[in-house]
Amino acid sequence: MTEYVNLYTRQHENSLYELEREGIVRNKKLYVELHMRDISDFFLEKYDLFVEMAEKKVPRPSGINYPIWCSVSKNNCLKPIDKEIVYALTVPKDQVIYFDGTKWDYVLNNLYIPTDEDDDKRFKKLLEENKIEHTFDLFSNKYIGAFDDIKKEIIYSWKRIFEITDRSEFVVQANLWQIKKEWVRHIIRPGENFFKIVSDMEETWKE
């Protein structure tokens, strides 16, 4: 029997046209570039890495560039704003890529994700021994060819974003490769009573 979970994601209202025309909503490279603007190159580099890791968890369908970010809780999801709507979804659990949002922030800041406190202390000592104050700049052109072993260890640690130990709705996030029309329970527009509309949807994020 297929298990289902409820997710919520805010998308541009134009996504409705794709949903009606093709029966799915996809996240494209152009959308990321338009949304992130001046810092899109930085985020695309990280998104490419996320894709590489995530498709090992849930296979990426052909023609899909990037995943769609979702909230696991109606309380913590982004609400509708001007030109942005919220899709309330009921999705097969095996299509969901869960990850730790706090650890994803580590990735965005080029930080090492430790396995535990002892590992954290070990890595900080390693940085001190190499007189490295911040790891963010290690990945800049200035350090090409330098500290490669440390950079490799940092990148290797990033796969730990999928190791979730804190099940808080403020920590756990979810990704989907696409939104299928049959998964859409509700579409909430700006000015509508979000919580009233989704009142028939249970919180499934702790399951």
N, C-alpha and C. Protein backbone atom coordinates (compact mmCIF):
# COMPACT_ATOMS: atom_id res chain seq x y z
N MET A 1 0.84 -1.20 0.00
CA MET A 1 0.00 0.00 0.00
C MET A 1 0.88 1.25 0.00
N THR A 2 0.55 2.21 -0.85
CA THR A 2 1.32 3.45 -0.95
C THR A 2 1.02 4.36 0.24
N GLU A 3 2.08 4.86 0.86
CA GLU A 3 1.94 5.84 1.94
C GLU A 3 1.98 7.24 1.35
N TYR A 4 1.19 8.14 1.94
CA TYR A 4 1.14 9.52 1.46
C TYR A 4 1.47 10.49 2.59
N VAL A 5 2.05 11.63 2.20
CA VAL A 5 2.35 12.69 3.16
C VAL A 5 1.86 14.02 2.59
N ASN A 6 1.60 14.97 3.47
CA ASN A 6 1.13 16.29 3.06
C ASN A 6 2.28 17.29 3.08
N LEU A 7 2.40 18.05 2.00
CA LEU A 7 3.45 19.06 1.86
C LEU A 7 2.84 20.35 1.33
N TYR A 8 3.60 21.44 1.48
CA TYR A 8 3.13 22.76 1.07
C TYR A 8 4.28 23.50 0.38
N THR A 9 3.98 24.13 -0.74
CA THR A 9 5.03 24.86 -1.44
C THR A 9 4.46 26.11 -2.10
N ARG A 10 5.18 27.21 -1.98
CA ARG A 10 4.75 28.46 -2.61
C ARG A 10 5.47 28.62 -3.95
N GLN A 11 4.68 28.87 -4.98
CA GLN A 11 5.22 29.00 -6.33
C GLN A 11 4.59 30.21 -7.03
N HIS A 12 5.24 30.66 -8.09
CA HIS A 12 4.69 31.77 -8.86
C HIS A 12 3.36 31.36 -9.49
N GLU A 13 2.45 32.31 -9.58
CA GLU A 13 1.13 32.01 -10.11
C GLU A 13 1.17 31.49 -11.55
N ASN A 14 2.21 31.82 -12.29
CA ASN A 14 2.32 31.35 -13.68
C ASN A 14 2.49 29.83 -13.76
N SER A 15 2.87 29.21 -12.64
CA SER A 15 3.01 27.75 -12.64
C SER A 15 1.68 27.07 -12.90
N LEU A 16 0.59 27.78 -12.66
CA LEU A 16 -0.74 27.21 -12.92
C LEU A 16 -0.93 26.86 -14.39
N TYR A 17 -0.32 27.67 -15.28
CA TYR A 17 -0.46 27.40 -16.71
C TYR A 17 0.23 26.08 -17.08
N GLU A 18 1.41 25.86 -16.51
CA GLU A 18 2.12 24.62 -16.78
C GLU A 18 1.35 23.43 -16.21
N LEU A 19 0.77 23.63 -15.03
CA LEU A 19 0.00 22.55 -14.40
C LEU A 19 -1.19 22.16 -15.26
N GLU A 20 -1.90 23.15 -15.79
CA GLU A 20 -3.07 22.88 -16.61
C GLU A 20 -2.70 22.32 -17.98
N ARG A 21 -1.60 22.85 -18.53
CA ARG A 21 -1.20 22.46 -19.89
C ARG A 21 -0.53 21.09 -19.93
N GLU A 22 0.36 20.84 -18.95
CA GLU A 22 1.18 19.63 -18.99
C GLU A 22 0.89 18.64 -17.86
N GLY A 23 0.12 19.09 -16.88
CA GLY A 23 -0.22 18.19 -15.78
C GLY A 23 0.85 18.07 -14.71
N ILE A 24 1.92 18.86 -14.84
CA ILE A 24 2.98 18.88 -13.83
C ILE A 24 3.54 20.30 -13.69
N VAL A 25 4.21 20.54 -12.57
CA VAL A 25 4.97 21.78 -12.36
C VAL A 25 6.42 21.38 -12.14
N ARG A 26 7.33 22.05 -12.84
CA ARG A 26 8.76 21.77 -12.71
C ARG A 26 9.51 23.03 -12.33
N ASN A 27 10.65 22.83 -11.70
CA ASN A 27 11.54 23.94 -11.36
C ASN A 27 12.65 23.97 -12.39
N LYS A 28 12.77 25.06 -13.12
CA LYS A 28 13.75 25.16 -14.19
C LYS A 28 14.89 26.10 -13.81
N LYS A 29 16.01 25.93 -14.50
CA LYS A 29 17.18 26.76 -14.24
C LYS A 29 16.84 28.24 -14.37
N LEU A 30 16.05 28.58 -15.37
CA LEU A 30 15.66 29.97 -15.59
C LEU A 30 14.93 30.54 -14.38
N TYR A 31 14.07 29.73 -13.75
CA TYR A 31 13.32 30.20 -12.59
C TYR A 31 14.26 30.54 -11.44
N VAL A 32 15.29 29.70 -11.25
CA VAL A 32 16.26 29.96 -10.19
C VAL A 32 17.03 31.24 -10.48
N GLU A 33 17.43 31.42 -11.74
CA GLU A 33 18.18 32.61 -12.13
C GLU A 33 17.36 33.88 -11.91
N LEU A 34 16.08 33.83 -12.26
CA LEU A 34 15.22 34.99 -12.09
C LEU A 34 14.96 35.28 -10.62
N HIS A 35 14.80 34.23 -9.83
CA HIS A 35 14.49 34.40 -8.41
C HIS A 35 15.70 34.88 -7.62
N MET A 36 16.87 34.33 -7.92
CA MET A 36 18.08 34.66 -7.16
C MET A 36 18.85 35.86 -7.74
N ARG A 37 18.61 36.16 -9.00
CA ARG A 37 19.22 37.32 -9.67
C ARG A 37 20.74 37.35 -9.53
N ASP A 38 21.29 38.35 -8.84
CA ASP A 38 22.73 38.56 -8.81
C ASP A 38 23.51 37.42 -8.18
N ILE A 39 22.87 36.65 -7.31
CA ILE A 39 23.59 35.57 -6.63
C ILE A 39 23.19 34.20 -7.19
N SER A 40 22.59 34.21 -8.38
CA SER A 40 22.10 32.95 -8.95
C SER A 40 23.23 31.97 -9.24
N ASP A 41 24.39 32.46 -9.69
CA ASP A 41 25.51 31.55 -9.99
C ASP A 41 25.93 30.78 -8.76
N PHE A 42 25.99 31.47 -7.61
CA PHE A 42 26.38 30.82 -6.36
C PHE A 42 25.37 29.75 -5.98
N PHE A 43 24.08 30.10 -6.05
CA PHE A 43 23.06 29.14 -5.66
C PHE A 43 22.95 27.98 -6.64
N LEU A 44 23.13 28.25 -7.92
CA LEU A 44 23.06 27.18 -8.91
C LEU A 44 24.16 26.15 -8.68
N GLU A 45 25.32 26.61 -8.27
CA GLU A 45 26.42 25.69 -7.96
C GLU A 45 26.01 24.76 -6.81
N LYS A 46 25.38 25.34 -5.80
CA LYS A 46 24.93 24.53 -4.66
C LYS A 46 23.75 23.64 -5.05
N TYR A 47 22.85 24.17 -5.86
CA TYR A 47 21.70 23.37 -6.30
C TYR A 47 22.16 22.18 -7.13
N ASP A 48 23.17 22.39 -7.98
CA ASP A 48 23.71 21.29 -8.78
C ASP A 48 24.24 20.19 -7.88
N LEU A 49 24.91 20.59 -6.81
CA LEU A 49 25.42 19.62 -5.85
C LEU A 49 24.27 18.90 -5.16
N PHE A 50 23.24 19.66 -4.78
CA PHE A 50 22.08 19.06 -4.13
C PHE A 50 21.43 18.03 -5.06
N VAL A 51 21.28 18.39 -6.33
CA VAL A 51 20.69 17.47 -7.31
C VAL A 51 21.48 16.17 -7.38
N GLU A 52 22.80 16.31 -7.41
CA GLU A 52 23.68 15.14 -7.49
C GLU A 52 23.46 14.21 -6.30
N MET A 53 23.29 14.80 -5.12
CA MET A 53 23.08 13.99 -3.92
C MET A 53 21.65 13.46 -3.84
N ALA A 54 20.68 14.33 -4.17
CA ALA A 54 19.27 13.97 -4.00
C ALA A 54 18.81 12.88 -4.96
N GLU A 55 19.35 12.87 -6.18
CA GLU A 55 18.89 11.87 -7.14
C GLU A 55 19.36 10.46 -6.77
N LYS A 56 20.26 10.38 -5.79
CA LYS A 56 20.64 9.07 -5.26
C LYS A 56 19.60 8.58 -4.25
N LYS A 57 18.81 9.52 -3.74
CA LYS A 57 17.74 9.18 -2.79
C LYS A 57 16.44 8.84 -3.52
N VAL A 58 16.06 9.71 -4.44
CA VAL A 58 14.87 9.50 -5.27
C VAL A 58 15.27 9.79 -6.71
N PRO A 59 15.15 8.85 -7.62
CA PRO A 59 15.57 9.07 -9.00
C PRO A 59 14.94 10.31 -9.61
N ARG A 60 15.76 11.06 -10.35
CA ARG A 60 15.28 12.30 -10.98
C ARG A 60 14.67 11.97 -12.35
N PRO A 61 13.42 12.38 -12.58
CA PRO A 61 12.78 12.12 -13.87
C PRO A 61 13.49 12.86 -15.00
N SER A 62 13.40 12.33 -16.18
CA SER A 62 13.99 12.95 -17.36
C SER A 62 13.39 14.33 -17.59
N GLY A 63 14.25 15.29 -17.94
CA GLY A 63 13.78 16.64 -18.25
C GLY A 63 13.63 17.55 -17.05
N ILE A 64 13.96 17.06 -15.86
CA ILE A 64 13.85 17.86 -14.64
C ILE A 64 15.22 18.44 -14.30
N ASN A 65 15.29 19.75 -14.11
CA ASN A 65 16.55 20.41 -13.77
C ASN A 65 16.81 20.43 -12.27
N TYR A 66 15.85 20.97 -11.54
CA TYR A 66 16.04 21.19 -10.11
C TYR A 66 14.80 20.77 -9.33
N PRO A 67 14.98 20.44 -8.05
CA PRO A 67 13.83 20.05 -7.23
C PRO A 67 13.00 21.25 -6.80
N ILE A 68 11.83 20.96 -6.28
CA ILE A 68 10.93 21.99 -5.76
C ILE A 68 10.95 21.92 -4.24
N TRP A 69 11.26 23.06 -3.62
CA TRP A 69 11.35 23.14 -2.16
C TRP A 69 9.95 23.12 -1.56
N CYS A 70 9.76 22.32 -0.51
CA CYS A 70 8.46 22.22 0.15
C CYS A 70 8.61 22.31 1.66
N SER A 71 7.54 22.72 2.31
CA SER A 71 7.46 22.70 3.77
C SER A 71 6.69 21.46 4.19
N VAL A 72 7.06 20.91 5.34
CA VAL A 72 6.40 19.69 5.82
C VAL A 72 5.21 20.01 6.72
N SER A 73 5.06 21.28 7.08
CA SER A 73 4.00 21.67 8.01
C SER A 73 3.25 22.89 7.50
N LYS A 74 1.95 22.89 7.67
CA LYS A 74 1.14 24.05 7.27
C LYS A 74 1.47 25.28 8.12
N ASN A 75 1.92 25.05 9.35
CA ASN A 75 2.25 26.17 10.24
C ASN A 75 3.52 26.89 9.81
N ASN A 76 4.45 26.15 9.24
CA ASN A 76 5.76 26.71 8.93
C ASN A 76 5.96 27.00 7.45
N CYS A 77 4.95 26.80 6.63
CA CYS A 77 5.14 27.02 5.20
C CYS A 77 5.00 28.50 4.84
N LEU A 78 5.58 28.87 3.71
CA LEU A 78 5.43 30.23 3.19
C LEU A 78 3.98 30.39 2.72
N LYS A 79 3.37 31.51 3.10
CA LYS A 79 1.97 31.74 2.78
C LYS A 79 1.85 32.54 1.47
N PRO A 80 0.66 32.56 0.86
CA PRO A 80 0.47 33.26 -0.41
C PRO A 80 0.75 34.76 -0.28
N ILE A 81 1.39 35.31 -1.30
CA ILE A 81 1.63 36.75 -1.39
C ILE A 81 1.30 37.17 -2.83
N ASP A 82 1.48 38.43 -3.13
CA ASP A 82 1.18 38.94 -4.47
C ASP A 82 1.92 38.13 -5.54
N LYS A 83 1.16 37.59 -6.48
CA LYS A 83 1.68 36.80 -7.61
C LYS A 83 2.26 35.45 -7.20
N GLU A 84 2.10 35.08 -5.94
CA GLU A 84 2.60 33.78 -5.46
C GLU A 84 1.45 33.01 -4.80
N ILE A 85 1.31 31.77 -5.19
CA ILE A 85 0.26 30.91 -4.64
C ILE A 85 0.88 29.76 -3.87
N VAL A 86 0.07 29.08 -3.08
CA VAL A 86 0.56 27.92 -2.34
C VAL A 86 -0.18 26.67 -2.81
N TYR A 87 0.60 25.66 -3.14
CA TYR A 87 0.03 24.35 -3.45
C TYR A 87 0.05 23.50 -2.18
N ALA A 88 -1.11 23.00 -1.79
CA ALA A 88 -1.20 22.05 -0.69
C ALA A 88 -1.29 20.67 -1.32
N LEU A 89 -0.31 19.83 -1.02
CA LEU A 89 -0.13 18.58 -1.76
C LEU A 89 -0.28 17.35 -0.87
N THR A 90 -0.77 16.28 -1.45
CA THR A 90 -0.72 14.96 -0.84
C THR A 90 0.07 14.08 -1.79
N VAL A 91 1.26 13.67 -1.34
CA VAL A 91 2.27 13.09 -2.22
C VAL A 91 2.66 11.68 -1.75
N PRO A 92 2.91 10.76 -2.67
CA PRO A 92 3.44 9.46 -2.26
C PRO A 92 4.76 9.65 -1.50
N LYS A 93 4.87 9.02 -0.36
CA LYS A 93 6.03 9.23 0.50
C LYS A 93 7.34 8.87 -0.19
N ASP A 94 7.30 7.90 -1.09
CA ASP A 94 8.53 7.48 -1.76
C ASP A 94 9.00 8.46 -2.83
N GLN A 95 8.24 9.54 -3.04
CA GLN A 95 8.64 10.59 -3.98
C GLN A 95 9.26 11.80 -3.28
N VAL A 96 9.32 11.74 -1.95
CA VAL A 96 9.77 12.89 -1.15
C VAL A 96 11.22 12.72 -0.73
N ILE A 97 11.99 13.79 -0.89
CA ILE A 97 13.38 13.82 -0.44
C ILE A 97 13.43 14.69 0.81
N TYR A 98 13.54 14.06 1.96
CA TYR A 98 13.61 14.81 3.22
C TYR A 98 15.06 15.19 3.52
N PHE A 99 15.23 16.37 4.11
CA PHE A 99 16.57 16.79 4.50
C PHE A 99 16.50 17.77 5.66
N ASP A 100 17.64 18.01 6.27
CA ASP A 100 17.76 18.91 7.42
C ASP A 100 18.06 20.32 6.90
N GLY A 101 17.12 21.25 7.09
CA GLY A 101 17.28 22.61 6.59
C GLY A 101 18.43 23.35 7.24
N THR A 102 18.70 23.06 8.51
CA THR A 102 19.81 23.70 9.21
C THR A 102 21.14 23.26 8.60
N LYS A 103 21.24 21.98 8.30
CA LYS A 103 22.47 21.48 7.67
C LYS A 103 22.63 22.02 6.26
N TRP A 104 21.53 22.27 5.58
CA TRP A 104 21.61 22.87 4.24
C TRP A 104 22.23 24.26 4.33
N ASP A 105 21.95 24.98 5.39
CA ASP A 105 22.59 26.29 5.60
C ASP A 105 24.10 26.13 5.73
N TYR A 106 24.55 25.03 6.32
CA TYR A 106 25.98 24.74 6.39
C TYR A 106 26.56 24.63 4.98
N VAL A 107 25.85 23.95 4.11
CA VAL A 107 26.30 23.78 2.73
C VAL A 107 26.41 25.14 2.04
N LEU A 108 25.38 25.96 2.20
CA LEU A 108 25.38 27.28 1.56
C LEU A 108 26.53 28.15 2.04
N ASN A 109 27.00 27.90 3.25
CA ASN A 109 28.09 28.70 3.82
C ASN A 109 29.44 27.97 3.81
N ASN A 110 29.50 26.88 3.04
CA ASN A 110 30.75 26.11 2.89
C ASN A 110 31.29 25.62 4.23
N LEU A 111 30.40 25.23 5.12
CA LEU A 111 30.79 24.76 6.44
C LEU A 111 30.82 23.23 6.48
N TYR A 112 31.62 22.71 7.37
CA TYR A 112 31.71 21.27 7.60
C TYR A 112 30.55 20.81 8.46
N ILE A 113 29.91 19.70 8.09
CA ILE A 113 28.83 19.13 8.88
C ILE A 113 29.39 17.96 9.68
N PRO A 114 29.58 18.14 10.98
CA PRO A 114 30.18 17.08 11.80
C PRO A 114 29.20 15.95 12.09
N THR A 115 29.76 14.79 12.38
CA THR A 115 28.91 13.65 12.75
C THR A 115 28.44 13.75 14.19
N ASP A 116 29.28 14.35 15.04
CA ASP A 116 28.95 14.53 16.46
C ASP A 116 29.89 15.58 17.05
N GLU A 117 29.81 15.79 18.35
CA GLU A 117 30.62 16.83 19.01
C GLU A 117 32.11 16.53 18.89
N ASP A 118 32.49 15.28 19.04
CA ASP A 118 33.90 14.92 18.95
C ASP A 118 34.45 15.20 17.55
N ASP A 119 33.65 14.89 16.55
CA ASP A 119 34.06 15.15 15.17
C ASP A 119 34.16 16.65 14.92
N ASP A 120 33.26 17.40 15.51
CA ASP A 120 33.28 18.86 15.38
C ASP A 120 34.57 19.42 15.97
N LYS A 121 34.94 18.94 17.14
CA LYS A 121 36.18 19.40 17.79
C LYS A 121 37.40 19.02 16.95
N ARG A 122 37.38 17.80 16.42
CA ARG A 122 38.50 17.34 15.59
C ARG A 122 38.70 18.23 14.38
N PHE A 123 37.60 18.57 13.70
CA PHE A 123 37.71 19.37 12.49
C PHE A 123 38.13 20.80 12.81
N LYS A 124 37.61 21.35 13.89
CA LYS A 124 38.02 22.70 14.29
C LYS A 124 39.51 22.75 14.62
N LYS A 125 40.01 21.69 15.24
CA LYS A 125 41.44 21.61 15.54
C LYS A 125 42.25 21.55 14.26
N LEU A 126 41.74 20.82 13.28
CA LEU A 126 42.40 20.74 11.97
C LEU A 126 42.49 22.12 11.32
N LEU A 127 41.42 22.89 11.43
CA LEU A 127 41.43 24.24 10.87
C LEU A 127 42.45 25.13 11.59
N GLU A 128 42.49 25.02 12.90
CA GLU A 128 43.44 25.80 13.69
C GLU A 128 44.87 25.47 13.32
N GLU A 129 45.15 24.19 13.15
CA GLU A 129 46.51 23.76 12.79
C GLU A 129 46.93 24.31 11.43
N ASN A 130 45.96 24.54 10.57
CA ASN A 130 46.25 25.08 9.23
C ASN A 130 46.00 26.58 9.14
N LYS A 131 45.76 27.19 10.32
CA LYS A 131 45.54 28.64 10.41
C LYS A 131 44.41 29.11 9.49
N ILE A 132 43.33 28.33 9.48
CA ILE A 132 42.14 28.68 8.69
C ILE A 132 41.06 29.18 9.64
N GLU A 133 40.67 30.44 9.49
CA GLU A 133 39.64 31.01 10.37
C GLU A 133 38.23 30.74 9.85
N HIS A 134 38.05 30.83 8.54
CA HIS A 134 36.73 30.65 7.95
C HIS A 134 36.85 29.73 6.73
N THR A 135 35.94 28.79 6.61
CA THR A 135 36.00 27.87 5.48
C THR A 135 35.25 28.38 4.25
N PHE A 136 34.46 29.43 4.40
CA PHE A 136 33.69 29.93 3.26
C PHE A 136 34.60 30.30 2.10
N ASP A 137 35.69 31.03 2.41
CA ASP A 137 36.59 31.51 1.36
C ASP A 137 37.49 30.44 0.77
N LEU A 138 37.52 29.27 1.40
CA LEU A 138 38.38 28.19 0.88
C LEU A 138 38.01 27.80 -0.54
N PHE A 139 36.75 28.03 -0.91
CA PHE A 139 36.27 27.60 -2.21
C PHE A 139 36.34 28.72 -3.26
N SER A 140 36.99 29.82 -2.91
CA SER A 140 37.17 30.92 -3.85
C SER A 140 38.40 30.67 -4.71
N ASN A 141 38.55 31.44 -5.77
CA ASN A 141 39.70 31.29 -6.67
C ASN A 141 41.03 31.48 -5.96
N LYS A 142 41.00 32.24 -4.89
CA LYS A 142 42.23 32.53 -4.13
C LYS A 142 42.89 31.25 -3.63
N TYR A 143 42.10 30.23 -3.34
CA TYR A 143 42.63 29.01 -2.73
C TYR A 143 42.60 27.80 -3.68
N ILE A 144 42.57 28.06 -4.98
CA ILE A 144 42.63 26.95 -5.93
C ILE A 144 43.96 26.22 -5.77
N GLY A 145 43.88 24.92 -5.57
CA GLY A 145 45.09 24.12 -5.40
C GLY A 145 45.61 24.07 -3.98
N ALA A 146 44.95 24.77 -3.07
CA ALA A 146 45.38 24.80 -1.66
C ALA A 146 44.32 24.15 -0.78
N PHE A 147 44.77 23.48 0.26
CA PHE A 147 43.87 22.84 1.24
C PHE A 147 42.87 21.89 0.58
N ASP A 148 43.30 21.20 -0.46
CA ASP A 148 42.37 20.33 -1.20
C ASP A 148 41.80 19.21 -0.33
N ASP A 149 42.60 18.66 0.57
CA ASP A 149 42.12 17.58 1.43
C ASP A 149 41.02 18.07 2.37
N ILE A 150 41.20 19.29 2.88
CA ILE A 150 40.19 19.87 3.77
C ILE A 150 38.91 20.17 3.01
N LYS A 151 39.05 20.73 1.82
CA LYS A 151 37.87 21.03 1.01
C LYS A 151 37.13 19.74 0.64
N LYS A 152 37.87 18.70 0.34
CA LYS A 152 37.26 17.42 0.01
C LYS A 152 36.47 16.87 1.19
N GLU A 153 37.03 17.02 2.39
CA GLU A 153 36.34 16.53 3.59
C GLU A 153 35.07 17.33 3.86
N ILE A 154 35.13 18.63 3.62
CA ILE A 154 33.94 19.48 3.80
C ILE A 154 32.84 19.05 2.84
N ILE A 155 33.19 18.91 1.57
CA ILE A 155 32.19 18.52 0.56
C ILE A 155 31.61 17.14 0.87
N TYR A 156 32.46 16.22 1.29
CA TYR A 156 31.99 14.87 1.63
C TYR A 156 30.98 14.91 2.78
N SER A 157 31.18 15.84 3.70
CA SER A 157 30.29 15.94 4.87
C SER A 157 28.89 16.42 4.50
N TRP A 158 28.75 17.06 3.36
CA TRP A 158 27.47 17.66 3.01
C TRP A 158 26.37 16.64 2.75
N LYS A 159 26.72 15.40 2.47
CA LYS A 159 25.69 14.38 2.26
C LYS A 159 24.92 14.11 3.55
N ARG A 160 25.44 14.62 4.67
CA ARG A 160 24.77 14.41 5.96
C ARG A 160 23.52 15.26 6.12
N ILE A 161 23.22 16.11 5.14
CA ILE A 161 21.97 16.87 5.21
C ILE A 161 20.76 15.94 5.21
N PHE A 162 20.95 14.72 4.71
CA PHE A 162 19.84 13.76 4.66
C PHE A 162 19.73 12.92 5.92
N GLU A 163 20.66 13.13 6.86
CA GLU A 163 20.61 12.44 8.14
C GLU A 163 19.86 13.34 9.13
N ILE A 164 18.60 13.04 9.36
CA ILE A 164 17.74 13.90 10.18
C ILE A 164 17.62 13.34 11.59
N THR A 165 18.08 14.12 12.54
CA THR A 165 17.96 13.72 13.95
C THR A 165 16.97 14.60 14.70
N ASP A 166 16.76 15.82 14.22
CA ASP A 166 15.79 16.74 14.80
C ASP A 166 14.55 16.76 13.91
N ARG A 167 13.44 16.23 14.41
CA ARG A 167 12.22 16.13 13.60
C ARG A 167 11.33 17.37 13.70
N SER A 168 11.87 18.48 14.19
CA SER A 168 11.11 19.71 14.31
C SER A 168 10.63 20.19 12.94
N GLU A 169 9.42 20.72 12.90
CA GLU A 169 8.87 21.26 11.66
C GLU A 169 9.67 22.46 11.17
N PHE A 170 10.47 23.05 12.04
CA PHE A 170 11.29 24.19 11.65
C PHE A 170 12.65 23.75 11.10
N VAL A 171 12.93 22.46 11.19
CA VAL A 171 14.21 21.92 10.72
C VAL A 171 14.03 21.04 9.49
N VAL A 172 13.06 20.14 9.56
CA VAL A 172 12.84 19.20 8.46
C VAL A 172 12.25 19.93 7.25
N GLN A 173 12.86 19.72 6.09
CA GLN A 173 12.34 20.25 4.83
C GLN A 173 12.20 19.11 3.84
N ALA A 174 11.49 19.37 2.76
CA ALA A 174 11.24 18.32 1.78
C ALA A 174 11.41 18.88 0.37
N ASN A 175 11.84 18.01 -0.52
CA ASN A 175 11.96 18.36 -1.93
C ASN A 175 11.19 17.35 -2.77
N LEU A 176 10.66 17.83 -3.88
CA LEU A 176 10.03 16.99 -4.89
C LEU A 176 10.67 17.30 -6.23
N TRP A 177 10.80 16.32 -7.07
CA TRP A 177 11.32 16.59 -8.42
C TRP A 177 10.28 17.28 -9.28
N GLN A 178 9.01 17.09 -8.94
CA GLN A 178 7.94 17.71 -9.71
C GLN A 178 6.65 17.69 -8.88
N ILE A 179 5.71 18.50 -9.31
CA ILE A 179 4.37 18.47 -8.73
C ILE A 179 3.43 17.91 -9.79
N LYS A 180 2.80 16.80 -9.49
CA LYS A 180 1.83 16.23 -10.41
C LYS A 180 0.43 16.75 -10.07
N LYS A 181 -0.37 16.94 -11.10
CA LYS A 181 -1.71 17.51 -10.91
C LYS A 181 -2.53 16.70 -9.92
N GLU A 182 -2.38 15.38 -9.96
CA GLU A 182 -3.19 14.54 -9.07
C GLU A 182 -2.76 14.64 -7.61
N TRP A 183 -1.60 15.27 -7.35
CA TRP A 183 -1.15 15.46 -5.98
C TRP A 183 -1.73 16.72 -5.34
N VAL A 184 -2.28 17.61 -6.14
CA VAL A 184 -2.74 18.91 -5.64
C VAL A 184 -4.09 18.77 -4.95
N ARG A 185 -4.10 19.04 -3.65
CA ARG A 185 -5.35 19.01 -2.88
C ARG A 185 -6.03 20.37 -2.90
N HIS A 186 -5.22 21.42 -2.73
CA HIS A 186 -5.76 22.78 -2.70
C HIS A 186 -4.76 23.73 -3.34
N ILE A 187 -5.27 24.80 -3.91
CA ILE A 187 -4.45 25.91 -4.38
C ILE A 187 -4.94 27.15 -3.64
N ILE A 188 -4.06 27.75 -2.86
CA ILE A 188 -4.46 28.88 -2.02
C ILE A 188 -3.84 30.15 -2.59
N ARG A 189 -4.71 31.13 -2.82
CA ARG A 189 -4.28 32.39 -3.43
C ARG A 189 -4.20 33.50 -2.39
N PRO A 190 -3.51 34.60 -2.73
CA PRO A 190 -3.40 35.73 -1.79
C PRO A 190 -4.78 36.21 -1.35
N GLY A 191 -4.92 36.48 -0.06
CA GLY A 191 -6.18 36.98 0.48
C GLY A 191 -7.13 35.90 0.94
N GLU A 192 -6.87 34.65 0.56
CA GLU A 192 -7.74 33.56 0.99
C GLU A 192 -7.33 33.06 2.37
N ASN A 193 -8.27 32.45 3.06
CA ASN A 193 -8.02 31.95 4.42
C ASN A 193 -7.27 30.62 4.33
N PHE A 194 -5.95 30.71 4.42
CA PHE A 194 -5.10 29.54 4.23
C PHE A 194 -5.47 28.39 5.16
N PHE A 195 -5.52 28.67 6.46
CA PHE A 195 -5.73 27.60 7.43
C PHE A 195 -7.13 26.98 7.33
N LYS A 196 -8.10 27.77 6.93
CA LYS A 196 -9.44 27.22 6.74
C LYS A 196 -9.46 26.26 5.55
N ILE A 197 -8.78 26.65 4.48
CA ILE A 197 -8.78 25.83 3.27
C ILE A 197 -8.07 24.49 3.49
N VAL A 198 -6.97 24.53 4.26
CA VAL A 198 -6.18 23.30 4.45
C VAL A 198 -6.55 22.57 5.75
N SER A 199 -7.67 22.94 6.33
CA SER A 199 -8.07 22.34 7.62
C SER A 199 -8.33 20.83 7.50
N ASP A 200 -8.57 20.35 6.29
CA ASP A 200 -8.82 18.92 6.10
C ASP A 200 -7.53 18.11 5.93
N MET A 201 -6.38 18.78 6.03
CA MET A 201 -5.10 18.11 5.82
C MET A 201 -4.38 17.89 7.15
N GLU A 202 -4.07 16.66 7.45
CA GLU A 202 -3.39 16.33 8.69
C GLU A 202 -1.90 16.66 8.60
N GLU A 203 -1.29 16.85 9.77
CA GLU A 203 0.16 17.03 9.82
C GLU A 203 0.80 15.65 9.77
N THR A 204 1.55 15.39 8.73
CA THR A 204 2.15 14.05 8.55
C THR A 204 3.66 14.07 8.68
N TRP A 205 4.25 15.22 8.96
CA TRP A 205 5.71 15.37 8.90
C TRP A 205 6.46 14.58 9.95
N LYS A 206 5.81 14.17 11.04
CA LYS A 206 6.50 13.41 12.09
C LYS A 206 6.50 11.91 11.82
N GLU A 207 5.75 11.51 10.82
CA GLU A 207 5.60 10.07 10.56
C GLU A 207 6.85 9.47 9.92
